[in-house]
Amino acid sequence: MSVYFDPDIKTIFAPYVQPMLAVSIATDEGTFSLDLSNYESVCQLSQRIKIAIEGYRPETPTAHRMPPGGPLPDESIAMYNEWLEAGMPEKKDALASDDLIV
């Protein structure tokens, strides 16, 4: 199964879009707003997001809560990682090969 930003990753992040809009992330390239509904924003900050969603540990008192409310389900983290490994494709092409019936 192929994973795409729209709809797959966008759906995972949908509940967190509003609370995360207030977050800015500093990188070597500058400071960026975190808009989890925006493909370019998520791609630009993809490795920071990966660290945050994989690094959340509720038992650690100083844990950075990403996403707000607790960790993502393991399946969602796996899907995000699969998307990263696939090169962060944005949308499924209308004629994607996995849709063709042979």
N, C-alpha and C. Protein backbone atom coordinates (compact mmCIF):
# COMPACT_ATOMS: atom_id res chain seq x y z
N MET A 1 0.84 -1.18 0.00
CA MET A 1 0.00 0.00 0.00
C MET A 1 0.88 1.25 0.00
N SER A 2 0.58 2.17 -0.86
CA SER A 2 1.32 3.43 -0.92
C SER A 2 0.69 4.44 0.04
N VAL A 3 1.55 5.30 0.58
CA VAL A 3 1.10 6.32 1.52
C VAL A 3 1.38 7.69 0.90
N TYR A 4 0.39 8.57 0.98
CA TYR A 4 0.49 9.91 0.41
C TYR A 4 0.16 10.94 1.48
N PHE A 5 0.67 12.15 1.28
CA PHE A 5 0.32 13.21 2.23
C PHE A 5 -1.19 13.42 2.24
N ASP A 6 -1.75 13.54 1.04
CA ASP A 6 -3.19 13.75 0.91
C ASP A 6 -3.78 12.52 0.24
N PRO A 7 -4.50 11.72 0.97
CA PRO A 7 -5.21 11.99 2.22
C PRO A 7 -4.57 11.40 3.48
N ASP A 8 -3.61 10.49 3.36
CA ASP A 8 -3.17 9.67 4.50
C ASP A 8 -2.56 10.47 5.65
N ILE A 9 -1.47 11.16 5.40
CA ILE A 9 -0.77 11.89 6.47
C ILE A 9 -1.62 13.06 6.94
N LYS A 10 -2.26 13.72 6.01
CA LYS A 10 -3.13 14.85 6.34
C LYS A 10 -4.24 14.40 7.31
N THR A 11 -4.76 13.21 7.11
CA THR A 11 -5.81 12.68 7.99
C THR A 11 -5.27 12.40 9.39
N ILE A 12 -4.07 11.84 9.46
CA ILE A 12 -3.45 11.56 10.77
C ILE A 12 -3.29 12.86 11.56
N PHE A 13 -2.84 13.90 10.88
CA PHE A 13 -2.54 15.16 11.56
C PHE A 13 -3.74 16.09 11.73
N ALA A 14 -4.86 15.79 11.08
CA ALA A 14 -6.03 16.69 11.09
C ALA A 14 -6.45 17.15 12.50
N PRO A 15 -6.51 16.27 13.49
CA PRO A 15 -6.95 16.73 14.81
C PRO A 15 -5.98 17.70 15.49
N TYR A 16 -4.77 17.79 14.98
CA TYR A 16 -3.73 18.58 15.63
C TYR A 16 -3.38 19.87 14.89
N VAL A 17 -4.05 20.13 13.78
CA VAL A 17 -3.72 21.30 12.96
C VAL A 17 -3.87 22.59 13.76
N GLN A 18 -5.02 22.82 14.34
CA GLN A 18 -5.26 24.09 15.05
C GLN A 18 -4.30 24.31 16.22
N PRO A 19 -4.15 23.35 17.14
CA PRO A 19 -3.25 23.62 18.26
C PRO A 19 -1.79 23.80 17.84
N MET A 20 -1.39 23.18 16.75
CA MET A 20 0.01 23.27 16.34
C MET A 20 0.32 24.51 15.49
N LEU A 21 -0.71 25.23 15.05
CA LEU A 21 -0.47 26.45 14.27
C LEU A 21 0.28 27.50 15.07
N ALA A 22 0.17 27.45 16.38
CA ALA A 22 0.86 28.42 17.24
C ALA A 22 2.33 28.05 17.46
N VAL A 23 2.74 26.90 16.97
CA VAL A 23 4.10 26.42 17.20
C VAL A 23 5.02 26.88 16.07
N SER A 24 6.17 27.38 16.46
CA SER A 24 7.23 27.70 15.51
C SER A 24 8.42 26.81 15.83
N ILE A 25 9.08 26.34 14.79
CA ILE A 25 10.22 25.46 14.97
C ILE A 25 11.45 26.10 14.35
N ALA A 26 12.50 26.20 15.15
CA ALA A 26 13.75 26.77 14.68
C ALA A 26 14.63 25.67 14.09
N THR A 27 15.17 25.95 12.92
CA THR A 27 16.11 25.04 12.27
C THR A 27 17.33 25.86 11.85
N ASP A 28 18.30 25.20 11.28
CA ASP A 28 19.48 25.91 10.78
C ASP A 28 19.11 26.87 9.64
N GLU A 29 18.01 26.57 8.95
CA GLU A 29 17.57 27.40 7.83
C GLU A 29 16.69 28.57 8.26
N GLY A 30 16.26 28.59 9.51
CA GLY A 30 15.38 29.66 9.99
C GLY A 30 14.31 29.12 10.92
N THR A 31 13.33 29.95 11.21
CA THR A 31 12.21 29.57 12.07
C THR A 31 10.96 29.46 11.21
N PHE A 32 10.24 28.36 11.39
CA PHE A 32 9.09 28.07 10.55
C PHE A 32 7.87 27.75 11.39
N SER A 33 6.71 28.20 10.91
CA SER A 33 5.44 27.84 11.54
C SER A 33 5.13 26.40 11.18
N LEU A 34 4.46 25.72 12.08
CA LEU A 34 4.11 24.31 11.85
C LEU A 34 2.65 24.21 11.47
N ASP A 35 2.40 24.08 10.19
CA ASP A 35 1.04 23.89 9.68
C ASP A 35 0.94 22.46 9.19
N LEU A 36 0.35 21.61 10.01
CA LEU A 36 0.27 20.18 9.70
C LEU A 36 -0.70 19.86 8.57
N SER A 37 -1.45 20.86 8.10
CA SER A 37 -2.34 20.63 6.97
C SER A 37 -1.68 21.02 5.65
N ASN A 38 -0.48 21.56 5.72
CA ASN A 38 0.21 22.08 4.55
C ASN A 38 1.36 21.15 4.15
N TYR A 39 1.30 20.65 2.93
CA TYR A 39 2.31 19.71 2.44
C TYR A 39 3.73 20.26 2.56
N GLU A 40 3.94 21.48 2.10
CA GLU A 40 5.28 22.07 2.12
C GLU A 40 5.80 22.22 3.55
N SER A 41 4.94 22.63 4.46
CA SER A 41 5.33 22.80 5.85
C SER A 41 5.75 21.47 6.47
N VAL A 42 4.95 20.44 6.24
CA VAL A 42 5.25 19.12 6.81
C VAL A 42 6.53 18.56 6.19
N CYS A 43 6.71 18.74 4.89
CA CYS A 43 7.95 18.26 4.25
C CYS A 43 9.16 18.99 4.81
N GLN A 44 9.05 20.29 4.93
CA GLN A 44 10.17 21.10 5.41
C GLN A 44 10.59 20.70 6.82
N LEU A 45 9.63 20.33 7.64
CA LEU A 45 9.90 20.00 9.04
C LEU A 45 9.76 18.50 9.32
N SER A 46 9.80 17.69 8.28
CA SER A 46 9.51 16.26 8.41
C SER A 46 10.39 15.54 9.42
N GLN A 47 11.67 15.84 9.45
CA GLN A 47 12.55 15.15 10.40
C GLN A 47 12.30 15.60 11.83
N ARG A 48 11.99 16.87 12.02
CA ARG A 48 11.64 17.36 13.36
C ARG A 48 10.34 16.72 13.84
N ILE A 49 9.39 16.59 12.94
CA ILE A 49 8.11 15.95 13.28
C ILE A 49 8.36 14.49 13.64
N LYS A 50 9.20 13.82 12.86
CA LYS A 50 9.52 12.41 13.12
C LYS A 50 10.10 12.24 14.53
N ILE A 51 11.05 13.08 14.88
CA ILE A 51 11.65 13.01 16.21
C ILE A 51 10.60 13.23 17.29
N ALA A 52 9.74 14.20 17.07
CA ALA A 52 8.72 14.53 18.08
C ALA A 52 7.71 13.40 18.26
N ILE A 53 7.22 12.83 17.16
CA ILE A 53 6.19 11.80 17.31
C ILE A 53 6.76 10.46 17.76
N GLU A 54 8.02 10.20 17.45
CA GLU A 54 8.64 8.96 17.91
C GLU A 54 9.22 9.09 19.30
N GLY A 55 9.57 10.31 19.69
CA GLY A 55 10.25 10.52 20.95
C GLY A 55 9.36 10.76 22.14
N TYR A 56 8.07 10.86 21.92
CA TYR A 56 7.15 11.12 23.03
C TYR A 56 7.12 9.94 23.99
N ARG A 57 7.36 10.22 25.24
CA ARG A 57 7.28 9.19 26.28
C ARG A 57 6.51 9.78 27.46
N PRO A 58 5.25 9.37 27.64
CA PRO A 58 4.43 9.97 28.70
C PRO A 58 5.00 9.77 30.10
N GLU A 59 5.82 8.76 30.30
CA GLU A 59 6.37 8.53 31.64
C GLU A 59 7.51 9.49 31.98
N THR A 60 7.98 10.25 31.01
CA THR A 60 9.05 11.21 31.25
C THR A 60 8.43 12.55 31.62
N PRO A 61 8.71 13.06 32.83
CA PRO A 61 8.06 14.31 33.27
C PRO A 61 8.31 15.50 32.36
N THR A 62 9.43 15.53 31.68
CA THR A 62 9.74 16.67 30.81
C THR A 62 9.45 16.37 29.34
N ALA A 63 8.68 15.34 29.09
CA ALA A 63 8.39 14.95 27.70
C ALA A 63 7.73 16.08 26.94
N HIS A 64 8.18 16.27 25.72
CA HIS A 64 7.53 17.23 24.82
C HIS A 64 6.29 16.54 24.27
N ARG A 65 5.16 17.12 24.50
CA ARG A 65 3.90 16.49 24.09
C ARG A 65 3.63 16.76 22.62
N MET A 66 3.93 15.79 21.80
CA MET A 66 3.67 15.89 20.37
C MET A 66 3.08 14.57 19.92
N PRO A 67 1.92 14.56 19.47
CA PRO A 67 1.01 15.69 19.38
C PRO A 67 0.36 15.99 20.73
N PRO A 68 -0.32 17.12 20.82
CA PRO A 68 -1.01 17.46 22.06
C PRO A 68 -2.00 16.35 22.44
N GLY A 69 -2.03 16.01 23.70
CA GLY A 69 -2.97 15.00 24.16
C GLY A 69 -2.40 13.60 24.26
N GLY A 70 -1.20 13.39 23.78
CA GLY A 70 -0.61 12.07 23.89
C GLY A 70 -0.04 11.58 22.59
N PRO A 71 0.63 10.45 22.64
CA PRO A 71 1.31 9.94 21.45
C PRO A 71 0.34 9.45 20.38
N LEU A 72 0.83 9.47 19.15
CA LEU A 72 0.07 8.89 18.05
C LEU A 72 0.06 7.37 18.20
N PRO A 73 -0.96 6.71 17.68
CA PRO A 73 -0.94 5.25 17.66
C PRO A 73 0.26 4.74 16.85
N ASP A 74 0.75 3.59 17.21
CA ASP A 74 1.90 3.00 16.51
C ASP A 74 1.65 2.89 15.01
N GLU A 75 0.41 2.58 14.62
CA GLU A 75 0.09 2.44 13.20
C GLU A 75 0.27 3.77 12.46
N SER A 76 -0.08 4.85 13.11
CA SER A 76 0.06 6.18 12.49
C SER A 76 1.53 6.55 12.36
N ILE A 77 2.32 6.23 13.37
CA ILE A 77 3.76 6.50 13.30
C ILE A 77 4.39 5.67 12.19
N ALA A 78 3.99 4.42 12.08
CA ALA A 78 4.51 3.55 11.01
C ALA A 78 4.12 4.10 9.64
N MET A 79 2.90 4.60 9.50
CA MET A 79 2.46 5.16 8.23
C MET A 79 3.27 6.41 7.89
N TYR A 80 3.52 7.26 8.88
CA TYR A 80 4.33 8.46 8.66
C TYR A 80 5.73 8.07 8.19
N ASN A 81 6.33 7.09 8.85
CA ASN A 81 7.67 6.64 8.47
C ASN A 81 7.68 6.03 7.07
N GLU A 82 6.64 5.31 6.73
CA GLU A 82 6.53 4.74 5.38
C GLU A 82 6.46 5.86 4.34
N TRP A 83 5.70 6.90 4.67
CA TRP A 83 5.59 8.06 3.78
C TRP A 83 6.95 8.73 3.59
N LEU A 84 7.70 8.89 4.68
CA LEU A 84 9.04 9.48 4.58
C LEU A 84 9.94 8.63 3.68
N GLU A 85 9.92 7.32 3.91
CA GLU A 85 10.78 6.41 3.15
C GLU A 85 10.41 6.38 1.67
N ALA A 86 9.15 6.66 1.36
CA ALA A 86 8.69 6.67 -0.03
C ALA A 86 9.02 7.99 -0.74
N GLY A 87 9.64 8.92 -0.02
CA GLY A 87 10.01 10.19 -0.64
C GLY A 87 8.98 11.29 -0.44
N MET A 88 8.07 11.11 0.48
CA MET A 88 7.04 12.09 0.84
C MET A 88 6.15 12.50 -0.34
N PRO A 89 5.55 11.52 -1.02
CA PRO A 89 4.67 11.87 -2.14
C PRO A 89 3.46 12.68 -1.66
N GLU A 90 3.08 13.65 -2.48
CA GLU A 90 1.99 14.55 -2.07
C GLU A 90 0.61 13.93 -2.28
N LYS A 91 0.32 13.56 -3.51
CA LYS A 91 -1.01 13.03 -3.82
C LYS A 91 -0.89 11.82 -4.72
N LYS A 92 -1.88 11.00 -4.63
CA LYS A 92 -1.94 9.83 -5.50
C LYS A 92 -2.30 10.30 -6.91
N ASP A 93 -1.52 9.87 -7.88
CA ASP A 93 -1.82 10.21 -9.27
C ASP A 93 -3.11 9.53 -9.69
N ALA A 94 -3.83 10.17 -10.57
CA ALA A 94 -5.09 9.61 -11.06
C ALA A 94 -4.87 8.24 -11.71
N LEU A 95 -3.71 8.04 -12.31
CA LEU A 95 -3.42 6.78 -12.98
C LEU A 95 -2.32 6.00 -12.26
N ALA A 96 -2.35 6.03 -10.94
CA ALA A 96 -1.32 5.33 -10.16
C ALA A 96 -1.34 3.85 -10.49
N SER A 97 -0.16 3.26 -10.54
CA SER A 97 -0.04 1.87 -10.95
C SER A 97 -0.73 0.90 -10.01
N ASP A 98 -0.86 1.24 -8.72
CA ASP A 98 -1.51 0.30 -7.81
C ASP A 98 -3.03 0.31 -7.96
N ASP A 99 -3.56 1.19 -8.82
CA ASP A 99 -4.99 1.21 -9.10
C ASP A 99 -5.34 0.46 -10.39
N LEU A 100 -4.35 0.17 -11.18
CA LEU A 100 -4.61 -0.47 -12.46
C LEU A 100 -4.98 -1.93 -12.28
N ILE A 101 -5.94 -2.35 -13.01
CA ILE A 101 -6.35 -3.76 -12.99
C ILE A 101 -5.71 -4.42 -14.20
N VAL A 102 -4.97 -5.47 -13.93
CA VAL A 102 -4.27 -6.15 -15.02
C VAL A 102 -4.96 -7.45 -15.33
